[in-house]
Amino acid sequence: MYAKKTTKVIEKIRAVIGMEGQLSPSPFMNWLKPIAVAAKYGSLTFEYKIRKEMTNPMGHLHGGVIAGIMDDIVGATVYSLDKSDDFVTVNLSVDYFAPAMLGDTIHATTRVVKEGKTVINVECELWFPAKKRLLAKATSNLMRVK
C-alpha cells in the first residue's frame, strides 16, 4: 500500500540501518538502543539487545520495557510519516506470548493499519528472529495534537 512513498525521516533511518547510535532526539529511545533494520512508509523494524537493566528479578525482559519498546517504535513509525502536526498515544494494548532473557536479541516491527487525519492506528509485533517466535503483539491509536 505504501511501498513507493518515502519521507526525509525514513531516508535518515535507512542511512543508519545496521549501525549502533542515536536514532532519535528521545532520551528513552536512545536508552533502549535500537538498531534500525528496515524502514519504509508505514513500517519500521528495529533490533534490541536485552540488557540487565531491562530485566525483572527473574531475568526476563520486563513487561513494562516490552510495552515501552512497542510504544516507542509505534511513535517513531507515526513520526516517520512526516505529518505537519504531532501525534500522541491514546491507547496501547499489549498481548504477551513468550519471555525474552538477558542477552537475547529481539526485533520490533510496525505496520500502519489506518492513517486518518486525526487518528492513526498501528500494529507492532516483537519477534525472536533466530527462533521465529512471537514474543508480544500490540495495537495502538495515536491522536493528532496541535
C-alpha atoms as a PDB file:
ATOM      1  CA  MET A   1       0.000   0.000   0.000  1.00  0.00           C
ATOM      2  CA  TYR A   2       2.747   2.474   0.972  1.00  0.00           C
ATOM      3  CA  ALA A   3       5.796   0.826  -0.586  1.00  0.00           C
ATOM      4  CA  LYS A   4       6.699   3.590  -3.059  1.00  0.00           C
ATOM      5  CA  LYS A   5       6.190   6.594  -0.768  1.00  0.00           C
ATOM      6  CA  THR A   6       9.090   7.861   1.354  1.00  0.00           C
ATOM      7  CA  THR A   7       9.905  10.760   3.681  1.00  0.00           C
ATOM      8  CA  LYS A   8      13.026  12.566   4.902  1.00  0.00           C
ATOM      9  CA  VAL A   9      12.741  10.767   8.248  1.00  0.00           C
ATOM     10  CA  ILE A  10      12.599   7.364   6.546  1.00  0.00           C
ATOM     11  CA  GLU A  11      15.645   8.261   4.449  1.00  0.00           C
ATOM     12  CA  LYS A  12      17.544   9.232   7.642  1.00  0.00           C
ATOM     13  CA  ILE A  13      16.640   5.908   9.246  1.00  0.00           C
ATOM     14  CA  ARG A  14      17.675   3.988   6.120  1.00  0.00           C
ATOM     15  CA  ALA A  15      21.045   5.757   6.204  1.00  0.00           C
ATOM     16  CA  VAL A  16      21.839   4.231   9.628  1.00  0.00           C
ATOM     17  CA  ILE A  17      20.496   0.691   9.111  1.00  0.00           C
ATOM     18  CA  GLY A  18      22.681  -1.767  10.985  1.00  0.00           C
ATOM     19  CA  MET A  19      24.572   0.909  12.918  1.00  0.00           C
ATOM     20  CA  GLU A  20      24.551   1.493  16.642  1.00  0.00           C
ATOM     21  CA  GLY A  21      23.925   5.041  17.705  1.00  0.00           C
ATOM     22  CA  GLN A  22      21.243   7.520  18.455  1.00  0.00           C
ATOM     23  CA  LEU A  23      18.242   7.252  16.164  1.00  0.00           C
ATOM     24  CA  SER A  24      16.184   9.876  17.913  1.00  0.00           C
ATOM     25  CA  PRO A  25      16.079  13.042  19.996  1.00  0.00           C
ATOM     26  CA  SER A  26      14.090  10.915  22.507  1.00  0.00           C
ATOM     27  CA  PRO A  27      16.195  10.051  25.582  1.00  0.00           C
ATOM     28  CA  PHE A  28      14.007   6.975  26.177  1.00  0.00           C
ATOM     29  CA  MET A  29      14.520   5.629  22.657  1.00  0.00           C
ATOM     30  CA  ASN A  30      18.259   6.193  22.983  1.00  0.00           C
ATOM     31  CA  TRP A  31      18.228   4.308  26.329  1.00  0.00           C
ATOM     32  CA  LEU A  32      16.576   1.373  24.553  1.00  0.00           C
ATOM     33  CA  LYS A  33      19.461   1.462  21.999  1.00  0.00           C
ATOM     34  CA  PRO A  34      17.569   0.247  18.938  1.00  0.00           C
ATOM     35  CA  ILE A  35      19.382  -0.638  15.745  1.00  0.00           C
ATOM     36  CA  ALA A  36      17.422   0.102  12.568  1.00  0.00           C
ATOM     37  CA  VAL A  37      16.828  -2.993  10.448  1.00  0.00           C
ATOM     38  CA  ALA A  38      14.283  -1.730   7.890  1.00  0.00           C
ATOM     39  CA  ALA A  39      12.279   1.405   7.141  1.00  0.00           C
ATOM     40  CA  LYS A  40       9.540   2.084   4.639  1.00  0.00           C
ATOM     41  CA  TYR A  41       6.473   4.271   4.642  1.00  0.00           C
ATOM     42  CA  GLY A  42       4.099   2.861   7.249  1.00  0.00           C
ATOM     43  CA  SER A  43       6.519   0.299   8.709  1.00  0.00           C
ATOM     44  CA  LEU A  44       9.722   0.204  10.761  1.00  0.00           C
ATOM     45  CA  THR A  45      11.789  -2.690  12.097  1.00  0.00           C
ATOM     46  CA  PHE A  46      14.273  -2.143  14.928  1.00  0.00           C
ATOM     47  CA  GLU A  47      16.506  -4.621  16.750  1.00  0.00           C
ATOM     48  CA  TYR A  48      17.062  -4.593  20.529  1.00  0.00           C
ATOM     49  CA  LYS A  49      19.624  -6.427  22.656  1.00  0.00           C
ATOM     50  CA  ILE A  50      18.237  -7.294  26.112  1.00  0.00           C
ATOM     51  CA  ARG A  51      20.441  -5.720  28.798  1.00  0.00           C
ATOM     52  CA  LYS A  52      20.404  -6.350  32.577  1.00  0.00           C
ATOM     53  CA  GLU A  53      18.684  -3.045  33.348  1.00  0.00           C
ATOM     54  CA  MET A  54      15.786  -4.104  31.078  1.00  0.00           C
ATOM     55  CA  THR A  55      15.022  -7.280  33.052  1.00  0.00           C
ATOM     56  CA  ASN A  56      12.841  -8.163  36.027  1.00  0.00           C
ATOM     57  CA  PRO A  57      14.069 -10.098  39.112  1.00  0.00           C
ATOM     58  CA  MET A  58      13.553 -13.421  37.237  1.00  0.00           C
ATOM     59  CA  GLY A  59      15.933 -12.291  34.490  1.00  0.00           C
ATOM     60  CA  HIS A  60      13.163 -11.906  31.898  1.00  0.00           C
ATOM     61  CA  LEU A  61      12.629  -8.813  29.796  1.00  0.00           C
ATOM     62  CA  HIS A  62      10.352  -6.647  31.969  1.00  0.00           C
ATOM     63  CA  GLY A  63       6.786  -6.339  30.685  1.00  0.00           C
ATOM     64  CA  GLY A  64       6.933  -2.571  31.126  1.00  0.00           C
ATOM     65  CA  VAL A  65      10.025  -2.427  28.922  1.00  0.00           C
ATOM     66  CA  ILE A  66       8.230  -4.524  26.298  1.00  0.00           C
ATOM     67  CA  ALA A  67       5.347  -2.039  26.351  1.00  0.00           C
ATOM     68  CA  GLY A  68       7.850   0.839  26.260  1.00  0.00           C
ATOM     69  CA  ILE A  69       9.647  -0.615  23.224  1.00  0.00           C
ATOM     70  CA  MET A  70       6.355  -1.064  21.426  1.00  0.00           C
ATOM     71  CA  ASP A  71       5.025   2.401  22.306  1.00  0.00           C
ATOM     72  CA  ASP A  72       8.311   3.980  21.278  1.00  0.00           C
ATOM     73  CA  ILE A  73       8.609   2.308  17.858  1.00  0.00           C
ATOM     74  CA  VAL A  74       4.894   2.929  17.175  1.00  0.00           C
ATOM     75  CA  GLY A  75       5.517   6.620  17.876  1.00  0.00           C
ATOM     76  CA  ALA A  76       8.604   6.565  15.645  1.00  0.00           C
ATOM     77  CA  THR A  77       6.546   4.993  12.884  1.00  0.00           C
ATOM     78  CA  VAL A  78       3.969   7.784  13.028  1.00  0.00           C
ATOM     79  CA  TYR A  79       6.773  10.379  13.238  1.00  0.00           C
ATOM     80  CA  SER A  80       8.334   8.845  10.113  1.00  0.00           C
ATOM     81  CA  LEU A  81       5.127   9.616   8.180  1.00  0.00           C
ATOM     82  CA  ASP A  82       6.299  13.254   8.342  1.00  0.00           C
ATOM     83  CA  LYS A  83       2.962  14.782   9.364  1.00  0.00           C
ATOM     84  CA  SER A  84       2.789  18.529   9.998  1.00  0.00           C
ATOM     85  CA  ASP A  85       1.162  18.017  13.443  1.00  0.00           C
ATOM     86  CA  ASP A  86       2.329  15.925  16.376  1.00  0.00           C
ATOM     87  CA  PHE A  87       0.582  12.708  17.432  1.00  0.00           C
ATOM     88  CA  VAL A  88       0.360  11.223  20.936  1.00  0.00           C
ATOM     89  CA  THR A  89      -0.577   7.749  22.121  1.00  0.00           C
ATOM     90  CA  VAL A  90      -4.242   7.378  23.072  1.00  0.00           C
ATOM     91  CA  ASN A  91      -4.039   3.676  23.929  1.00  0.00           C
ATOM     92  CA  LEU A  92      -1.682   0.722  23.728  1.00  0.00           C
ATOM     93  CA  SER A  93      -2.972  -2.827  24.109  1.00  0.00           C
ATOM     94  CA  VAL A  94      -0.251  -5.457  24.522  1.00  0.00           C
ATOM     95  CA  ASP A  95      -0.541  -9.246  24.474  1.00  0.00           C
ATOM     96  CA  TYR A  96       2.469 -11.113  25.883  1.00  0.00           C
ATOM     97  CA  PHE A  97       3.242 -14.584  24.496  1.00  0.00           C
ATOM     98  CA  ALA A  98       6.778 -15.606  25.491  1.00  0.00           C
ATOM     99  CA  PRO A  99       9.609 -14.385  27.728  1.00  0.00           C
ATOM    100  CA  ALA A 100      12.867 -12.907  26.491  1.00  0.00           C
ATOM    101  CA  MET A 101      16.010 -13.282  28.562  1.00  0.00           C
ATOM    102  CA  LEU A 102      19.130 -11.269  29.264  1.00  0.00           C
ATOM    103  CA  GLY A 103      21.337 -11.325  26.156  1.00  0.00           C
ATOM    104  CA  ASP A 104      18.518 -12.181  23.734  1.00  0.00           C
ATOM    105  CA  THR A 105      18.104 -10.139  20.558  1.00  0.00           C
ATOM    106  CA  ILE A 106      14.579  -9.238  19.508  1.00  0.00           C
ATOM    107  CA  HIS A 107      13.012  -7.372  16.586  1.00  0.00           C
ATOM    108  CA  ALA A 108      10.071  -4.977  16.744  1.00  0.00           C
ATOM    109  CA  THR A 109       8.140  -4.449  13.503  1.00  0.00           C
ATOM    110  CA  THR A 110       5.307  -1.974  12.985  1.00  0.00           C
ATOM    111  CA  ARG A 111       2.570  -1.579  10.412  1.00  0.00           C
ATOM    112  CA  VAL A 112       0.212   1.357   9.954  1.00  0.00           C
ATOM    113  CA  VAL A 113      -3.265  -0.144   9.697  1.00  0.00           C
ATOM    114  CA  LYS A 114      -5.298   3.059   9.226  1.00  0.00           C
ATOM    115  CA  GLU A 115      -3.891   6.507   8.570  1.00  0.00           C
ATOM    116  CA  GLY A 116      -6.599   9.046   9.294  1.00  0.00           C
ATOM    117  CA  LYS A 117      -6.286  12.823   9.645  1.00  0.00           C
ATOM    118  CA  THR A 118      -6.924  12.743  13.400  1.00  0.00           C
ATOM    119  CA  VAL A 119      -6.195   9.157  14.466  1.00  0.00           C
ATOM    120  CA  ILE A 120      -3.584   6.703  13.195  1.00  0.00           C
ATOM    121  CA  ASN A 121      -3.855   3.009  14.105  1.00  0.00           C
ATOM    122  CA  VAL A 122      -0.618   0.997  14.236  1.00  0.00           C
ATOM    123  CA  GLU A 123       0.205  -2.641  14.993  1.00  0.00           C
ATOM    124  CA  CYS A 124       3.512  -3.806  16.453  1.00  0.00           C
ATOM    125  CA  GLU A 125       4.992  -7.272  16.861  1.00  0.00           C
ATOM    126  CA  LEU A 126       8.063  -8.319  18.857  1.00  0.00           C
ATOM    127  CA  TRP A 127       9.860 -11.374  17.477  1.00  0.00           C
ATOM    128  CA  PHE A 128      12.826 -13.583  18.268  1.00  0.00           C
ATOM    129  CA  PRO A 129      14.239 -13.564  14.718  1.00  0.00           C
ATOM    130  CA  ALA A 130      16.538 -16.563  15.315  1.00  0.00           C
ATOM    131  CA  LYS A 131      13.697 -18.695  16.724  1.00  0.00           C
ATOM    132  CA  LYS A 132      10.936 -17.252  14.528  1.00  0.00           C
ATOM    133  CA  ARG A 133       8.869 -16.959  17.699  1.00  0.00           C
ATOM    134  CA  LEU A 134       6.389 -14.207  18.564  1.00  0.00           C
ATOM    135  CA  LEU A 135       7.149 -12.535  21.915  1.00  0.00           C
ATOM    136  CA  ALA A 136       4.350  -9.928  22.040  1.00  0.00           C
ATOM    137  CA  LYS A 137       1.850  -8.100  19.872  1.00  0.00           C
ATOM    138  CA  ALA A 138       0.294  -4.655  20.348  1.00  0.00           C
ATOM    139  CA  THR A 139      -2.179  -2.310  18.758  1.00  0.00           C
ATOM    140  CA  SER A 140      -2.150   1.414  19.352  1.00  0.00           C
ATOM    141  CA  ASN A 141      -4.068   4.517  18.363  1.00  0.00           C
ATOM    142  CA  LEU A 142      -2.310   7.855  18.166  1.00  0.00           C
ATOM    143  CA  MET A 143      -4.211  11.143  18.027  1.00  0.00           C
ATOM    144  CA  ARG A 144      -3.221  14.386  16.327  1.00  0.00           C
ATOM    145  CA  VAL A 145      -2.498  17.294  18.660  1.00  0.00           C
ATOM    146  CA  LYS A 146      -1.842  20.895  17.679  1.00  0.00           C
END
